[in-house]
Amino acid sequence: MKQVPTLKIDGITLSQSLAIIHYLEETRPNPRLLPQDPKKRAQVRMIADHIASGIQPLQNLGILKQIGERKTEWAQNCIASGFQALEQILQHTAGCYCVGDEVSMADLCLVPQVANAERFKVDMGPYPTITRINKALLELEAFKVSHPCRQPDTPAELRA
């Protein structure tokens, strides 16, 4: 589909964020990205799917090119709709991060989606839990260096 991300690793090529994250969890389980507790693990998967399948595809570049001049409004509406539901979920699952106090797959999905929200100037005021978690994650070195604004292929106007 000529989309990112794609990861070449261990002699295979993987695409799609969640497939990549699951493979890394299964082959490099330290640090763990899924909690041991089955209920928390299900919550992590629910949040990751909500972002990766429910919000992100509606405002990715291929869709926005088709929308044309109204792409900012479209992206804002898609993100706001998804964040409204996500904020409610996180009010029940969050600790320091999306689910409790350990970084998980859900957090890996949250940070780039908040970066997209900021890119499209979504008002984050209605989403205090999302904002708090994102801020806590961006204090961690792994999230600082891997942030979308710091990637080699980031357009100049979006670089940190």
C-alpha atoms as a PDB file:
ATOM      1  CA  MET A   1       0.000   0.000   0.000  1.00  0.00           C
ATOM      2  CA  LYS A   2       3.113   2.220   0.055  1.00  0.00           C
ATOM      3  CA  GLN A   3       2.433   3.303   3.620  1.00  0.00           C
ATOM      4  CA  VAL A   4       4.599   3.646   6.682  1.00  0.00           C
ATOM      5  CA  PRO A   5       5.555   2.113   8.938  1.00  0.00           C
ATOM      6  CA  THR A   6       7.410  -0.807   7.461  1.00  0.00           C
ATOM      7  CA  LEU A   7      10.075  -2.663   9.399  1.00  0.00           C
ATOM      8  CA  LYS A   8      12.686  -4.996   7.952  1.00  0.00           C
ATOM      9  CA  ILE A   9      13.827  -7.243  10.774  1.00  0.00           C
ATOM     10  CA  ASP A  10      14.965 -10.826  11.300  1.00  0.00           C
ATOM     11  CA  GLY A  11      14.801 -11.560   7.571  1.00  0.00           C
ATOM     12  CA  ILE A  12      11.181 -10.463   7.156  1.00  0.00           C
ATOM     13  CA  THR A  13       9.405  -7.271   6.177  1.00  0.00           C
ATOM     14  CA  LEU A  14       6.448  -6.215   8.304  1.00  0.00           C
ATOM     15  CA  SER A  15       3.995  -3.402   7.753  1.00  0.00           C
ATOM     16  CA  GLN A  16       1.191  -1.997   9.910  1.00  0.00           C
ATOM     17  CA  SER A  17       1.919  -0.592  13.355  1.00  0.00           C
ATOM     18  CA  LEU A  18       0.124  -3.181  15.448  1.00  0.00           C
ATOM     19  CA  ALA A  19       1.637  -6.140  13.587  1.00  0.00           C
ATOM     20  CA  ILE A  20       5.097  -4.637  14.122  1.00  0.00           C
ATOM     21  CA  ILE A  21       4.437  -3.970  17.800  1.00  0.00           C
ATOM     22  CA  HIS A  22       3.096  -7.497  18.351  1.00  0.00           C
ATOM     23  CA  TYR A  23       6.145  -9.012  16.633  1.00  0.00           C
ATOM     24  CA  LEU A  24       8.521  -6.952  18.750  1.00  0.00           C
ATOM     25  CA  GLU A  25       6.607  -7.929  21.897  1.00  0.00           C
ATOM     26  CA  GLU A  26       6.878 -11.601  21.002  1.00  0.00           C
ATOM     27  CA  THR A  27      10.536 -11.556  19.953  1.00  0.00           C
ATOM     28  CA  ARG A  28      11.961  -8.845  22.207  1.00  0.00           C
ATOM     29  CA  PRO A  29       9.767  -8.873  25.315  1.00  0.00           C
ATOM     30  CA  ASN A  30      11.903  -6.454  27.289  1.00  0.00           C
ATOM     31  CA  PRO A  31      10.521  -3.960  27.957  1.00  0.00           C
ATOM     32  CA  ARG A  32       7.124  -5.608  28.000  1.00  0.00           C
ATOM     33  CA  LEU A  33       4.471  -3.776  25.949  1.00  0.00           C
ATOM     34  CA  LEU A  34       1.509  -5.879  27.088  1.00  0.00           C
ATOM     35  CA  PRO A  35       0.652  -6.295  30.769  1.00  0.00           C
ATOM     36  CA  GLN A  36       0.623  -9.763  32.338  1.00  0.00           C
ATOM     37  CA  ASP A  37      -2.900  -9.262  33.692  1.00  0.00           C
ATOM     38  CA  PRO A  38      -5.427 -10.396  31.035  1.00  0.00           C
ATOM     39  CA  LYS A  39      -7.885  -7.571  31.801  1.00  0.00           C
ATOM     40  CA  LYS A  40      -5.213  -4.892  31.494  1.00  0.00           C
ATOM     41  CA  ARG A  41      -3.835  -6.587  28.371  1.00  0.00           C
ATOM     42  CA  ALA A  42      -7.309  -6.431  26.818  1.00  0.00           C
ATOM     43  CA  GLN A  43      -7.592  -2.737  27.754  1.00  0.00           C
ATOM     44  CA  VAL A  44      -4.217  -2.015  26.139  1.00  0.00           C
ATOM     45  CA  ARG A  45      -5.283  -3.784  22.949  1.00  0.00           C
ATOM     46  CA  MET A  46      -8.634  -1.965  22.954  1.00  0.00           C
ATOM     47  CA  ILE A  47      -6.967   1.447  23.217  1.00  0.00           C
ATOM     48  CA  ALA A  48      -4.309   0.604  20.610  1.00  0.00           C
ATOM     49  CA  ASP A  49      -7.012  -0.624  18.207  1.00  0.00           C
ATOM     50  CA  HIS A  50      -9.153   2.439  18.909  1.00  0.00           C
ATOM     51  CA  ILE A  51      -6.289   4.684  17.819  1.00  0.00           C
ATOM     52  CA  ALA A  52      -4.695   2.592  15.057  1.00  0.00           C
ATOM     53  CA  SER A  53      -7.946   1.382  13.497  1.00  0.00           C
ATOM     54  CA  GLY A  54     -10.548   3.917  14.583  1.00  0.00           C
ATOM     55  CA  ILE A  55      -8.822   7.303  14.383  1.00  0.00           C
ATOM     56  CA  GLN A  56      -5.627   7.124  12.343  1.00  0.00           C
ATOM     57  CA  PRO A  57      -6.922   5.653   9.070  1.00  0.00           C
ATOM     58  CA  LEU A  58      -9.575   8.361   8.761  1.00  0.00           C
ATOM     59  CA  GLN A  59      -6.992  11.125   8.722  1.00  0.00           C
ATOM     60  CA  ASN A  60      -3.993   9.570   7.020  1.00  0.00           C
ATOM     61  CA  LEU A  61      -2.327  11.205   4.035  1.00  0.00           C
ATOM     62  CA  GLY A  62      -4.067   9.099   1.370  1.00  0.00           C
ATOM     63  CA  ILE A  63      -7.503  10.088   2.631  1.00  0.00           C
ATOM     64  CA  LEU A  64      -6.550  13.741   3.127  1.00  0.00           C
ATOM     65  CA  LYS A  65      -5.338  13.993  -0.470  1.00  0.00           C
ATOM     66  CA  GLN A  66      -8.765  12.854  -1.626  1.00  0.00           C
ATOM     67  CA  ILE A  67     -10.568  15.299   0.668  1.00  0.00           C
ATOM     68  CA  GLY A  68      -8.703  18.249  -0.834  1.00  0.00           C
ATOM     69  CA  GLU A  69      -9.160  21.777   0.484  1.00  0.00           C
ATOM     70  CA  ARG A  70     -11.192  20.684   3.492  1.00  0.00           C
ATOM     71  CA  LYS A  71      -8.489  18.297   4.734  1.00  0.00           C
ATOM     72  CA  THR A  72      -7.748  20.219   7.942  1.00  0.00           C
ATOM     73  CA  GLU A  73     -11.409  20.366   8.924  1.00  0.00           C
ATOM     74  CA  TRP A  74     -11.826  16.668   8.065  1.00  0.00           C
ATOM     75  CA  ALA A  75      -8.771  15.653  10.113  1.00  0.00           C
ATOM     76  CA  GLN A  76      -9.861  17.789  13.064  1.00  0.00           C
ATOM     77  CA  ASN A  77     -13.316  16.199  13.065  1.00  0.00           C
ATOM     78  CA  CYS A  78     -11.957  12.646  12.816  1.00  0.00           C
ATOM     79  CA  ILE A  79      -9.440  13.193  15.581  1.00  0.00           C
ATOM     80  CA  ALA A  80     -11.895  15.017  17.853  1.00  0.00           C
ATOM     81  CA  SER A  81     -14.495  12.271  17.458  1.00  0.00           C
ATOM     82  CA  GLY A  82     -11.928   9.587  18.282  1.00  0.00           C
ATOM     83  CA  PHE A  83     -10.435  11.570  21.159  1.00  0.00           C
ATOM     84  CA  GLN A  84     -13.862  12.118  22.735  1.00  0.00           C
ATOM     85  CA  ALA A  85     -14.308   8.366  23.060  1.00  0.00           C
ATOM     86  CA  LEU A  86     -10.663   7.786  23.997  1.00  0.00           C
ATOM     87  CA  GLU A  87     -10.788  10.392  26.771  1.00  0.00           C
ATOM     88  CA  GLN A  88     -13.707   8.527  28.366  1.00  0.00           C
ATOM     89  CA  ILE A  89     -11.890   5.192  28.125  1.00  0.00           C
ATOM     90  CA  LEU A  90      -8.687   6.591  29.620  1.00  0.00           C
ATOM     91  CA  GLN A  91     -10.526   8.085  32.566  1.00  0.00           C
ATOM     92  CA  HIS A  92     -11.148   4.465  33.625  1.00  0.00           C
ATOM     93  CA  THR A  93      -7.834   2.839  32.647  1.00  0.00           C
ATOM     94  CA  ALA A  94      -5.098   5.431  33.089  1.00  0.00           C
ATOM     95  CA  GLY A  95      -2.468   5.694  35.743  1.00  0.00           C
ATOM     96  CA  CYS A  96       0.685   7.500  34.690  1.00  0.00           C
ATOM     97  CA  TYR A  97       0.102   6.099  31.216  1.00  0.00           C
ATOM     98  CA  CYS A  98      -2.815   4.747  29.169  1.00  0.00           C
ATOM     99  CA  VAL A  99      -3.282   1.621  31.268  1.00  0.00           C
ATOM    100  CA  GLY A 100      -1.798   1.881  34.722  1.00  0.00           C
ATOM    101  CA  ASP A 101       1.754   2.943  35.415  1.00  0.00           C
ATOM    102  CA  GLU A 102       3.682   0.901  32.852  1.00  0.00           C
ATOM    103  CA  VAL A 103       4.310   1.979  29.253  1.00  0.00           C
ATOM    104  CA  SER A 104       2.362  -0.242  26.881  1.00  0.00           C
ATOM    105  CA  MET A 105       1.418  -0.724  23.256  1.00  0.00           C
ATOM    106  CA  ALA A 106      -1.426   1.752  23.816  1.00  0.00           C
ATOM    107  CA  ASP A 107       1.073   4.487  24.659  1.00  0.00           C
ATOM    108  CA  LEU A 108       3.066   3.735  21.509  1.00  0.00           C
ATOM    109  CA  CYS A 109      -0.091   4.494  19.538  1.00  0.00           C
ATOM    110  CA  LEU A 110      -1.101   7.558  21.543  1.00  0.00           C
ATOM    111  CA  VAL A 111       1.966   9.758  21.039  1.00  0.00           C
ATOM    112  CA  PRO A 112       1.933   9.835  17.209  1.00  0.00           C
ATOM    113  CA  GLN A 113      -1.821  10.403  17.199  1.00  0.00           C
ATOM    114  CA  VAL A 114      -1.445  13.380  19.543  1.00  0.00           C
ATOM    115  CA  ALA A 115       1.314  14.652  17.247  1.00  0.00           C
ATOM    116  CA  ASN A 116      -1.185  14.480  14.368  1.00  0.00           C
ATOM    117  CA  ALA A 117      -3.749  16.310  16.485  1.00  0.00           C
ATOM    118  CA  GLU A 118      -1.214  19.058  17.146  1.00  0.00           C
ATOM    119  CA  ARG A 119      -0.280  19.148  13.458  1.00  0.00           C
ATOM    120  CA  PHE A 120      -3.916  19.750  12.558  1.00  0.00           C
ATOM    121  CA  LYS A 121      -4.376  22.228  15.421  1.00  0.00           C
ATOM    122  CA  VAL A 122      -6.994  20.192  17.290  1.00  0.00           C
ATOM    123  CA  ASP A 123      -8.050  21.917  20.506  1.00  0.00           C
ATOM    124  CA  MET A 124      -6.715  19.576  23.194  1.00  0.00           C
ATOM    125  CA  GLY A 125      -8.595  21.367  26.004  1.00  0.00           C
ATOM    126  CA  PRO A 126     -11.434  18.820  26.100  1.00  0.00           C
ATOM    127  CA  TYR A 127      -8.921  15.959  26.498  1.00  0.00           C
ATOM    128  CA  PRO A 128      -7.031  16.510  29.776  1.00  0.00           C
ATOM    129  CA  THR A 129      -6.291  12.822  30.341  1.00  0.00           C
ATOM    130  CA  ILE A 130      -4.883  12.360  26.831  1.00  0.00           C
ATOM    131  CA  THR A 131      -2.822  15.537  27.263  1.00  0.00           C
ATOM    132  CA  ARG A 132      -1.483  14.483  30.685  1.00  0.00           C
ATOM    133  CA  ILE A 133      -0.483  11.012  29.481  1.00  0.00           C
ATOM    134  CA  ASN A 134       1.159  12.375  26.326  1.00  0.00           C
ATOM    135  CA  LYS A 135       3.150  14.871  28.381  1.00  0.00           C
ATOM    136  CA  ALA A 136       4.342  12.116  30.750  1.00  0.00           C
ATOM    137  CA  LEU A 137       5.348   9.914  27.817  1.00  0.00           C
ATOM    138  CA  LEU A 138       7.286  12.713  26.133  1.00  0.00           C
ATOM    139  CA  GLU A 139       9.435  12.994  29.249  1.00  0.00           C
ATOM    140  CA  LEU A 140      10.773   9.491  28.522  1.00  0.00           C
ATOM    141  CA  GLU A 141      13.891   9.353  26.353  1.00  0.00           C
ATOM    142  CA  ALA A 142      12.539   6.648  24.022  1.00  0.00           C
ATOM    143  CA  PHE A 143       9.542   8.819  23.164  1.00  0.00           C
ATOM    144  CA  LYS A 144      11.636  11.962  22.779  1.00  0.00           C
ATOM    145  CA  VAL A 145      13.954  10.435  20.191  1.00  0.00           C
ATOM    146  CA  SER A 146      11.252   8.546  18.298  1.00  0.00           C
ATOM    147  CA  HIS A 147       8.732  11.387  18.094  1.00  0.00           C
ATOM    148  CA  PRO A 148       7.362  11.909  14.568  1.00  0.00           C
ATOM    149  CA  CYS A 149       8.842  15.425  14.410  1.00  0.00           C
ATOM    150  CA  ARG A 150      12.352  13.971  14.801  1.00  0.00           C
ATOM    151  CA  GLN A 151      12.285  11.387  12.023  1.00  0.00           C
ATOM    152  CA  PRO A 152      14.626  11.722   9.021  1.00  0.00           C
ATOM    153  CA  ASP A 153      11.752  11.861   6.539  1.00  0.00           C
ATOM    154  CA  THR A 154       9.733  14.486   8.443  1.00  0.00           C
ATOM    155  CA  PRO A 155       8.929  17.479   6.228  1.00  0.00           C
ATOM    156  CA  ALA A 156      10.952  20.545   7.231  1.00  0.00           C
ATOM    157  CA  GLU A 157       7.888  22.480   8.416  1.00  0.00           C
ATOM    158  CA  LEU A 158       7.012  19.696  10.898  1.00  0.00           C
ATOM    159  CA  ARG A 159      10.485  19.066  12.345  1.00  0.00           C
ATOM    160  CA  ALA A 160      11.328  19.793  15.956  1.00  0.00           C
END
